[in-house]
Amino acid sequence: YARRKVIVEPVYGQIKGCRGFDRFSLRGLEKVK
């Protein structure tokens, strides 16, 4: 279970923190998907 935080959490850190994707550009659930 300790491996969980080093598998998935860095992915969101790279997307949101490193590449700055913290807000969608489009509106509506299907477009956001």
PDB file of all heavy atoms in Angstrom:
ATOM      1  N   TYR A   1       0.829  -1.210   0.000  1.00  0.00           N
ATOM      2  CA  TYR A   1       0.000   0.000   0.000  1.00  0.00           C
ATOM      3  C   TYR A   1       0.867   1.266   0.000  1.00  0.00           C
ATOM      4  O   TYR A   1       0.471   2.289  -0.564  1.00  0.00           O
ATOM      5  CB  TYR A   1      -0.931   0.014   1.214  1.00  0.00           C
ATOM      6  CG  TYR A   1      -1.863   1.201   1.218  1.00  0.00           C
ATOM      7  CD1 TYR A   1      -2.968   1.249   0.376  1.00  0.00           C
ATOM      8  CD2 TYR A   1      -1.621   2.298   2.047  1.00  0.00           C
ATOM      9  CE1 TYR A   1      -3.815   2.342   0.356  1.00  0.00           C
ATOM     10  CE2 TYR A   1      -2.460   3.401   2.031  1.00  0.00           C
ATOM     11  CZ  TYR A   1      -3.555   3.415   1.188  1.00  0.00           C
ATOM     12  OH  TYR A   1      -4.388   4.508   1.161  1.00  0.00           O
ATOM     13  N   ALA A   2       2.047   1.195   0.598  1.00  0.00           N
ATOM     14  CA  ALA A   2       2.940   2.356   0.620  1.00  0.00           C
ATOM     15  C   ALA A   2       3.398   2.746  -0.786  1.00  0.00           C
ATOM     16  O   ALA A   2       3.756   3.903  -1.029  1.00  0.00           O
ATOM     17  CB  ALA A   2       4.153   2.073   1.505  1.00  0.00           C
ATOM     18  N   ARG A   3       3.363   1.775  -1.713  1.00  0.00           N
ATOM     19  CA  ARG A   3       3.755   2.073  -3.081  1.00  0.00           C
ATOM     20  C   ARG A   3       2.726   2.945  -3.806  1.00  0.00           C
ATOM     21  O   ARG A   3       3.044   3.568  -4.820  1.00  0.00           O
ATOM     22  CB  ARG A   3       3.934   0.756  -3.866  1.00  0.00           C
ATOM     23  CG  ARG A   3       5.100  -0.095  -3.411  1.00  0.00           C
ATOM     24  CD  ARG A   3       6.423   0.523  -3.807  1.00  0.00           C
ATOM     25  NE  ARG A   3       6.510   0.732  -5.248  1.00  0.00           N
ATOM     26  CZ  ARG A   3       7.359   1.565  -5.841  1.00  0.00           C
ATOM     27  NH1 ARG A   3       8.180   2.291  -5.106  1.00  0.00           N
ATOM     28  NH2 ARG A   3       7.391   1.687  -7.149  1.00  0.00           N
ATOM     29  N   ARG A   4       1.492   2.956  -3.299  1.00  0.00           N
ATOM     30  CA  ARG A   4       0.430   3.690  -3.978  1.00  0.00           C
ATOM     31  C   ARG A   4       0.789   5.151  -4.191  1.00  0.00           C
ATOM     32  O   ARG A   4       0.624   5.702  -5.279  1.00  0.00           O
ATOM     33  CB  ARG A   4      -0.863   3.598  -3.152  1.00  0.00           C
ATOM     34  CG  ARG A   4      -2.077   4.263  -3.802  1.00  0.00           C
ATOM     35  CD  ARG A   4      -3.162   4.552  -2.782  1.00  0.00           C
ATOM     36  NE  ARG A   4      -2.749   5.554  -1.822  1.00  0.00           N
ATOM     37  CZ  ARG A   4      -2.833   6.869  -2.020  1.00  0.00           C
ATOM     38  NH1 ARG A   4      -3.344   7.334  -3.145  1.00  0.00           N
ATOM     39  NH2 ARG A   4      -2.415   7.710  -1.100  1.00  0.00           N
ATOM     40  N   LYS A   5       1.325   5.787  -3.151  1.00  0.00           N
ATOM     41  CA  LYS A   5       1.583   7.223  -3.246  1.00  0.00           C
ATOM     42  C   LYS A   5       2.741   7.563  -4.177  1.00  0.00           C
ATOM     43  O   LYS A   5       2.854   8.710  -4.628  1.00  0.00           O
ATOM     44  CB  LYS A   5       1.840   7.814  -1.855  1.00  0.00           C
ATOM     45  CG  LYS A   5       3.032   7.269  -1.116  1.00  0.00           C
ATOM     46  CD  LYS A   5       3.192   7.974   0.226  1.00  0.00           C
ATOM     47  CE  LYS A   5       4.358   7.417   1.030  1.00  0.00           C
ATOM     48  NZ  LYS A   5       4.046   6.097   1.577  1.00  0.00           N
ATOM     49  N   VAL A   6       3.598   6.590  -4.490  1.00  0.00           N
ATOM     50  CA  VAL A   6       4.695   6.864  -5.431  1.00  0.00           C
ATOM     51  C   VAL A   6       4.358   6.386  -6.842  1.00  0.00           C
ATOM     52  O   VAL A   6       5.173   6.551  -7.754  1.00  0.00           O
ATOM     53  CB  VAL A   6       6.014   6.220  -4.952  1.00  0.00           C
ATOM     54  CG1 VAL A   6       6.438   6.791  -3.623  1.00  0.00           C
ATOM     55  CG2 VAL A   6       5.889   4.711  -4.862  1.00  0.00           C
ATOM     56  N   ILE A   7       3.191   5.777  -7.008  1.00  0.00           N
ATOM     57  CA  ILE A   7       2.764   5.344  -8.343  1.00  0.00           C
ATOM     58  C   ILE A   7       1.863   6.392  -8.979  1.00  0.00           C
ATOM     59  O   ILE A   7       2.131   6.882 -10.080  1.00  0.00           O
ATOM     60  CB  ILE A   7       2.022   3.991  -8.272  1.00  0.00           C
ATOM     61  CG1 ILE A   7       2.956   2.892  -7.765  1.00  0.00           C
ATOM     62  CG2 ILE A   7       1.471   3.610  -9.644  1.00  0.00           C
ATOM     63  CD1 ILE A   7       2.248   1.567  -7.529  1.00  0.00           C
ATOM     64  N   VAL A   8       0.785   6.750  -8.290  1.00  0.00           N
ATOM     65  CA  VAL A   8      -0.237   7.582  -8.914  1.00  0.00           C
ATOM     66  C   VAL A   8      -0.127   9.059  -8.557  1.00  0.00           C
ATOM     67  O   VAL A   8      -0.391   9.924  -9.404  1.00  0.00           O
ATOM     68  CB  VAL A   8      -1.644   7.044  -8.563  1.00  0.00           C
ATOM     69  CG1 VAL A   8      -1.927   7.167  -7.068  1.00  0.00           C
ATOM     70  CG2 VAL A   8      -2.716   7.739  -9.367  1.00  0.00           C
ATOM     71  N   GLU A   9       0.273   9.385  -7.339  1.00  0.00           N
ATOM     72  CA  GLU A   9       0.294  10.797  -6.947  1.00  0.00           C
ATOM     73  C   GLU A   9       1.306  11.631  -7.733  1.00  0.00           C
ATOM     74  O   GLU A   9       1.016  12.785  -8.070  1.00  0.00           O
ATOM     75  CB  GLU A   9       0.523  10.909  -5.441  1.00  0.00           C
ATOM     76  CG  GLU A   9      -0.673  10.414  -4.621  1.00  0.00           C
ATOM     77  CD  GLU A   9      -0.494  10.602  -3.128  1.00  0.00           C
ATOM     78  OE1 GLU A   9       0.527  11.196  -2.726  1.00  0.00           O
ATOM     79  OE2 GLU A   9      -1.369  10.157  -2.359  1.00  0.00           O
ATOM     80  N   PRO A  10       2.508  11.106  -8.050  1.00  0.00           N
ATOM     81  CA  PRO A  10       3.429  11.901  -8.876  1.00  0.00           C
ATOM     82  C   PRO A  10       2.882  12.234 -10.255  1.00  0.00           C
ATOM     83  O   PRO A  10       3.243  13.260 -10.835  1.00  0.00           O
ATOM     84  CB  PRO A  10       4.673  11.002  -8.973  1.00  0.00           C
ATOM     85  CG  PRO A  10       4.613  10.132  -7.775  1.00  0.00           C
ATOM     86  CD  PRO A  10       3.159   9.877  -7.551  1.00  0.00           C
ATOM     87  N   VAL A  11       2.000  11.385 -10.779  1.00  0.00           N
ATOM     88  CA  VAL A  11       1.416  11.645 -12.102  1.00  0.00           C
ATOM     89  C   VAL A  11       0.624  12.947 -12.089  1.00  0.00           C
ATOM     90  O   VAL A  11       0.775  13.802 -12.968  1.00  0.00           O
ATOM     91  CB  VAL A  11       0.525  10.467 -12.532  1.00  0.00           C
ATOM     92  CG1 VAL A  11      -0.271  10.821 -13.781  1.00  0.00           C
ATOM     93  CG2 VAL A  11       1.371   9.223 -12.781  1.00  0.00           C
ATOM     94  N   TYR A  12      -0.220  13.116 -11.072  1.00  0.00           N
ATOM     95  CA  TYR A  12      -0.982  14.364 -10.957  1.00  0.00           C
ATOM     96  C   TYR A  12      -0.061  15.544 -10.670  1.00  0.00           C
ATOM     97  O   TYR A  12      -0.320  16.668 -11.123  1.00  0.00           O
ATOM     98  CB  TYR A  12      -2.032  14.239  -9.859  1.00  0.00           C
ATOM     99  CG  TYR A  12      -3.187  13.339 -10.227  1.00  0.00           C
ATOM    100  CD1 TYR A  12      -3.506  12.221  -9.463  1.00  0.00           C
ATOM    101  CD2 TYR A  12      -3.955  13.587 -11.351  1.00  0.00           C
ATOM    102  CE1 TYR A  12      -4.569  11.389  -9.800  1.00  0.00           C
ATOM    103  CE2 TYR A  12      -5.008  12.766 -11.703  1.00  0.00           C
ATOM    104  CZ  TYR A  12      -5.315  11.665 -10.924  1.00  0.00           C
ATOM    105  OH  TYR A  12      -6.352  10.848 -11.262  1.00  0.00           O
ATOM    106  N   GLY A  13       1.025  15.296  -9.932  1.00  0.00           N
ATOM    107  CA  GLY A  13       1.990  16.367  -9.681  1.00  0.00           C
ATOM    108  C   GLY A  13       2.669  16.827 -10.959  1.00  0.00           C
ATOM    109  O   GLY A  13       2.878  18.032 -11.171  1.00  0.00           O
ATOM    110  N   GLN A  14       3.008  15.872 -11.834  1.00  0.00           N
ATOM    111  CA  GLN A  14       3.648  16.223 -13.106  1.00  0.00           C
ATOM    112  C   GLN A  14       2.684  16.977 -14.018  1.00  0.00           C
ATOM    113  O   GLN A  14       3.068  17.936 -14.689  1.00  0.00           O
ATOM    114  CB  GLN A  14       4.154  14.948 -13.782  1.00  0.00           C
ATOM    115  CG  GLN A  14       5.311  14.290 -13.050  1.00  0.00           C
ATOM    116  CD  GLN A  14       5.439  12.808 -13.347  1.00  0.00           C
ATOM    117  OE1 GLN A  14       4.891  12.300 -14.318  1.00  0.00           O
ATOM    118  NE2 GLN A  14       6.174  12.086 -12.501  1.00  0.00           N
ATOM    119  N   ILE A  15       1.426  16.540 -14.046  1.00  0.00           N
ATOM    120  CA  ILE A  15       0.437  17.173 -14.926  1.00  0.00           C
ATOM    121  C   ILE A  15       0.064  18.562 -14.413  1.00  0.00           C
ATOM    122  O   ILE A  15       0.065  19.537 -15.170  1.00  0.00           O
ATOM    123  CB  ILE A  15      -0.819  16.285 -15.046  1.00  0.00           C
ATOM    124  CG1 ILE A  15      -0.496  15.007 -15.828  1.00  0.00           C
ATOM    125  CG2 ILE A  15      -1.945  17.040 -15.731  1.00  0.00           C
ATOM    126  CD1 ILE A  15      -1.625  14.004 -15.873  1.00  0.00           C
ATOM    127  N   LYS A  16      -0.243  18.663 -13.121  1.00  0.00           N
ATOM    128  CA  LYS A  16      -0.728  19.919 -12.571  1.00  0.00           C
ATOM    129  C   LYS A  16       0.407  20.864 -12.177  1.00  0.00           C
ATOM    130  O   LYS A  16       0.328  22.072 -12.425  1.00  0.00           O
ATOM    131  CB  LYS A  16      -1.617  19.638 -11.356  1.00  0.00           C
ATOM    132  CG  LYS A  16      -2.860  18.827 -11.706  1.00  0.00           C
ATOM    133  CD  LYS A  16      -3.592  18.323 -10.470  1.00  0.00           C
ATOM    134  CE  LYS A  16      -4.302  19.402  -9.724  1.00  0.00           C
ATOM    135  NZ  LYS A  16      -5.130  18.856  -8.613  1.00  0.00           N
ATOM    136  N   GLY A  17       1.451  20.318 -11.556  1.00  0.00           N
ATOM    137  CA  GLY A  17       2.536  21.162 -11.066  1.00  0.00           C
ATOM    138  C   GLY A  17       3.571  21.493 -12.122  1.00  0.00           C
ATOM    139  O   GLY A  17       3.920  22.668 -12.328  1.00  0.00           O
ATOM    140  N   CYS A  18       4.079  20.467 -12.817  1.00  0.00           N
ATOM    141  CA  CYS A  18       5.164  20.684 -13.778  1.00  0.00           C
ATOM    142  C   CYS A  18       4.660  21.282 -15.092  1.00  0.00           C
ATOM    143  O   CYS A  18       5.278  22.194 -15.640  1.00  0.00           O
ATOM    144  CB  CYS A  18       5.896  19.371 -14.055  1.00  0.00           C
ATOM    145  SG  CYS A  18       6.647  18.634 -12.590  1.00  0.00           S
ATOM    146  N   ARG A  19       3.541  20.742 -15.610  1.00  0.00           N
ATOM    147  CA  ARG A  19       3.046  21.221 -16.905  1.00  0.00           C
ATOM    148  C   ARG A  19       1.912  22.235 -16.758  1.00  0.00           C
ATOM    149  O   ARG A  19       1.382  22.726 -17.753  1.00  0.00           O
ATOM    150  CB  ARG A  19       2.612  20.039 -17.782  1.00  0.00           C
ATOM    151  CG  ARG A  19       3.797  19.169 -18.180  1.00  0.00           C
ATOM    152  CD  ARG A  19       3.435  18.168 -19.241  1.00  0.00           C
ATOM    153  NE  ARG A  19       2.654  17.063 -18.735  1.00  0.00           N
ATOM    154  CZ  ARG A  19       3.155  15.999 -18.098  1.00  0.00           C
ATOM    155  NH1 ARG A  19       4.458  15.942 -17.869  1.00  0.00           N
ATOM    156  NH2 ARG A  19       2.379  15.026 -17.689  1.00  0.00           N
ATOM    157  N   GLY A  20       1.521  22.520 -15.529  1.00  0.00           N
ATOM    158  CA  GLY A  20       0.598  23.620 -15.270  1.00  0.00           C
ATOM    159  C   GLY A  20      -0.826  23.417 -15.721  1.00  0.00           C
ATOM    160  O   GLY A  20      -1.573  24.387 -15.872  1.00  0.00           O
ATOM    161  N   PHE A  21      -1.263  22.146 -15.903  1.00  0.00           N
ATOM    162  CA  PHE A  21      -2.652  21.927 -16.284  1.00  0.00           C
ATOM    163  C   PHE A  21      -3.483  21.799 -15.020  1.00  0.00           C
ATOM    164  O   PHE A  21      -3.654  20.717 -14.464  1.00  0.00           O
ATOM    165  CB  PHE A  21      -2.806  20.668 -17.146  1.00  0.00           C
ATOM    166  CG  PHE A  21      -4.194  20.497 -17.706  1.00  0.00           C
ATOM    167  CD1 PHE A  21      -4.559  21.133 -18.873  1.00  0.00           C
ATOM    168  CD2 PHE A  21      -5.147  19.736 -17.049  1.00  0.00           C
ATOM    169  CE1 PHE A  21      -5.833  21.001 -19.392  1.00  0.00           C
ATOM    170  CE2 PHE A  21      -6.430  19.598 -17.547  1.00  0.00           C
ATOM    171  CZ  PHE A  21      -6.776  20.234 -18.723  1.00  0.00           C
ATOM    172  N   ASP A  22      -4.040  22.913 -14.555  1.00  0.00           N
ATOM    173  CA  ASP A  22      -4.855  22.908 -13.343  1.00  0.00           C
ATOM    174  C   ASP A  22      -6.250  23.465 -13.596  1.00  0.00           C
ATOM    175  O   ASP A  22      -7.020  23.669 -12.661  1.00  0.00           O
ATOM    176  CB  ASP A  22      -4.177  23.712 -12.231  1.00  0.00           C
ATOM    177  CG  ASP A  22      -3.902  25.151 -12.639  1.00  0.00           C
ATOM    178  OD1 ASP A  22      -4.187  25.505 -13.807  1.00  0.00           O
ATOM    179  OD2 ASP A  22      -3.404  25.923 -11.812  1.00  0.00           O
ATOM    180  N   ARG A  23      -6.579  23.710 -14.877  1.00  0.00           N
ATOM    181  CA  ARG A  23      -7.908  24.213 -15.225  1.00  0.00           C
ATOM    182  C   ARG A  23      -8.249  23.766 -16.645  1.00  0.00           C
ATOM    183  O   ARG A  23      -7.423  23.864 -17.555  1.00  0.00           O
ATOM    184  CB  ARG A  23      -7.949  25.740 -15.135  1.00  0.00           C
ATOM    185  CG  ARG A  23      -9.321  26.334 -15.431  1.00  0.00           C
ATOM    186  CD  ARG A  23      -9.254  27.852 -15.486  1.00  0.00           C
ATOM    187  NE  ARG A  23      -8.933  28.423 -14.188  1.00  0.00           N
ATOM    188  CZ  ARG A  23      -9.827  28.726 -13.259  1.00  0.00           C
ATOM    189  NH1 ARG A  23     -11.115  28.496 -13.485  1.00  0.00           N
ATOM    190  NH2 ARG A  23      -9.453  29.246 -12.114  1.00  0.00           N
ATOM    191  N   PHE A  24      -9.478  23.278 -16.810  1.00  0.00           N
ATOM    192  CA  PHE A  24      -9.923  22.878 -18.135  1.00  0.00           C
ATOM    193  C   PHE A  24     -10.181  24.112 -18.995  1.00  0.00           C
ATOM    194  O   PHE A  24     -10.573  25.170 -18.488  1.00  0.00           O
ATOM    195  CB  PHE A  24     -11.197  22.034 -18.053  1.00  0.00           C
ATOM    196  CG  PHE A  24     -10.958  20.641 -17.539  1.00  0.00           C
ATOM    197  CD1 PHE A  24     -11.345  20.281 -16.250  1.00  0.00           C
ATOM    198  CD2 PHE A  24     -10.352  19.688 -18.335  1.00  0.00           C
ATOM    199  CE1 PHE A  24     -11.128  19.005 -15.773  1.00  0.00           C
ATOM    200  CE2 PHE A  24     -10.131  18.407 -17.874  1.00  0.00           C
ATOM    201  CZ  PHE A  24     -10.519  18.058 -16.588  1.00  0.00           C
ATOM    202  N   SER A  25      -9.982  23.963 -20.299  1.00  0.00           N
ATOM    203  CA  SER A  25     -10.248  25.057 -21.231  1.00  0.00           C
ATOM    204  C   SER A  25     -11.675  25.016 -21.752  1.00  0.00           C
ATOM    205  O   SER A  25     -12.194  26.039 -22.210  1.00  0.00           O
ATOM    206  CB  SER A  25      -9.280  24.988 -22.421  1.00  0.00           C
ATOM    207  OG  SER A  25      -7.940  25.057 -21.993  1.00  0.00           O
ATOM    208  N   LEU A  26     -12.301  23.828 -21.700  1.00  0.00           N
ATOM    209  CA  LEU A  26     -13.636  23.648 -22.258  1.00  0.00           C
ATOM    210  C   LEU A  26     -14.666  23.497 -21.144  1.00  0.00           C
ATOM    211  O   LEU A  26     -14.310  23.315 -19.978  1.00  0.00           O
ATOM    212  CB  LEU A  26     -13.653  22.423 -23.179  1.00  0.00           C
ATOM    213  CG  LEU A  26     -12.585  22.430 -24.286  1.00  0.00           C
ATOM    214  CD1 LEU A  26     -12.643  21.152 -25.089  1.00  0.00           C
ATOM    215  CD2 LEU A  26     -12.759  23.636 -25.193  1.00  0.00           C
ATOM    216  N   ARG A  27     -15.941  23.534 -21.528  1.00  0.00           N
ATOM    217  CA  ARG A  27     -17.032  23.451 -20.555  1.00  0.00           C
ATOM    218  C   ARG A  27     -17.972  22.316 -20.933  1.00  0.00           C
ATOM    219  O   ARG A  27     -18.211  22.069 -22.111  1.00  0.00           O
ATOM    220  CB  ARG A  27     -17.808  24.770 -20.503  1.00  0.00           C
ATOM    221  CG  ARG A  27     -16.988  25.933 -19.958  1.00  0.00           C
ATOM    222  CD  ARG A  27     -17.685  27.254 -20.189  1.00  0.00           C
ATOM    223  NE  ARG A  27     -16.876  28.376 -19.700  1.00  0.00           N
ATOM    224  CZ  ARG A  27     -17.096  29.643 -19.999  1.00  0.00           C
ATOM    225  NH1 ARG A  27     -18.109  29.958 -20.804  1.00  0.00           N
ATOM    226  NH2 ARG A  27     -16.323  30.594 -19.525  1.00  0.00           N
ATOM    227  N   GLY A  28     -18.523  21.664 -19.904  1.00  0.00           N
ATOM    228  CA  GLY A  28     -19.412  20.534 -20.137  1.00  0.00           C
ATOM    229  C   GLY A  28     -18.673  19.227 -19.916  1.00  0.00           C
ATOM    230  O   GLY A  28     -17.503  19.086 -20.289  1.00  0.00           O
ATOM    231  N   LEU A  29     -19.338  18.251 -19.313  1.00  0.00           N
ATOM    232  CA  LEU A  29     -18.687  17.005 -18.917  1.00  0.00           C
ATOM    233  C   LEU A  29     -18.086  16.261 -20.099  1.00  0.00           C
ATOM    234  O   LEU A  29     -16.942  15.788 -20.030  1.00  0.00           O
ATOM    235  CB  LEU A  29     -19.692  16.119 -18.173  1.00  0.00           C
ATOM    236  CG  LEU A  29     -19.145  14.803 -17.613  1.00  0.00           C
ATOM    237  CD1 LEU A  29     -17.999  15.076 -16.642  1.00  0.00           C
ATOM    238  CD2 LEU A  29     -20.250  14.022 -16.914  1.00  0.00           C
ATOM    239  N   GLU A  30     -18.820  16.130 -21.209  1.00  0.00           N
ATOM    240  CA  GLU A  30     -18.316  15.379 -22.354  1.00  0.00           C
ATOM    241  C   GLU A  30     -17.101  16.045 -22.977  1.00  0.00           C
ATOM    242  O   GLU A  30     -16.136  15.375 -23.352  1.00  0.00           O
ATOM    243  CB  GLU A  30     -19.426  15.201 -23.392  1.00  0.00           C
ATOM    244  CG  GLU A  30     -20.470  14.173 -23.012  1.00  0.00           C
ATOM    245  CD  GLU A  30     -19.870  12.800 -22.708  1.00  0.00           C
ATOM    246  OE1 GLU A  30     -19.023  12.341 -23.503  1.00  0.00           O
ATOM    247  OE2 GLU A  30     -20.231  12.207 -21.677  1.00  0.00           O
ATOM    248  N   LYS A  31     -17.121  17.373 -23.096  1.00  0.00           N
ATOM    249  CA  LYS A  31     -15.971  18.087 -23.652  1.00  0.00           C
ATOM    250  C   LYS A  31     -14.762  17.978 -22.731  1.00  0.00           C
ATOM    251  O   LYS A  31     -13.619  17.827 -23.177  1.00  0.00           O
ATOM    252  CB  LYS A  31     -16.324  19.557 -23.892  1.00  0.00           C
ATOM    253  CG  LYS A  31     -17.330  19.761 -25.014  1.00  0.00           C
ATOM    254  CD  LYS A  31     -17.619  21.238 -25.217  1.00  0.00           C
ATOM    255  CE  LYS A  31     -18.617  21.451 -26.358  1.00  0.00           C
ATOM    256  NZ  LYS A  31     -18.929  22.885 -26.565  1.00  0.00           N
ATOM    257  N   VAL A  32     -15.017  18.058 -21.424  1.00  0.00           N
ATOM    258  CA  VAL A  32     -13.942  17.935 -20.443  1.00  0.00           C
ATOM    259  C   VAL A  32     -13.304  16.542 -20.514  1.00  0.00           C
ATOM    260  O   VAL A  32     -12.090  16.389 -20.401  1.00  0.00           O
ATOM    261  CB  VAL A  32     -14.491  18.236 -19.030  1.00  0.00           C
ATOM    262  CG1 VAL A  32     -13.578  17.691 -17.956  1.00  0.00           C
ATOM    263  CG2 VAL A  32     -14.671  19.746 -18.855  1.00  0.00           C
ATOM    264  N   LYS A  33     -14.127  15.510 -20.712  1.00  0.00           N
ATOM    265  CA  LYS A  33     -13.589  14.150 -20.847  1.00  0.00           C
ATOM    266  C   LYS A  33     -12.649  14.057 -22.043  1.00  0.00           C
ATOM    267  O   LYS A  33     -11.595  13.415 -21.974  1.00  0.00           O
ATOM    268  CB  LYS A  33     -14.735  13.150 -20.996  1.00  0.00           C
ATOM    269  CG  LYS A  33     -15.490  12.856 -19.711  1.00  0.00           C
ATOM    270  CD  LYS A  33     -16.542  11.779 -19.933  1.00  0.00           C
ATOM    271  CE  LYS A  33     -17.258  11.426 -18.627  1.00  0.00           C
ATOM    272  NZ  LYS A  33     -18.235  10.329 -18.802  1.00  0.00           N
TER     273      LYS A  33
END
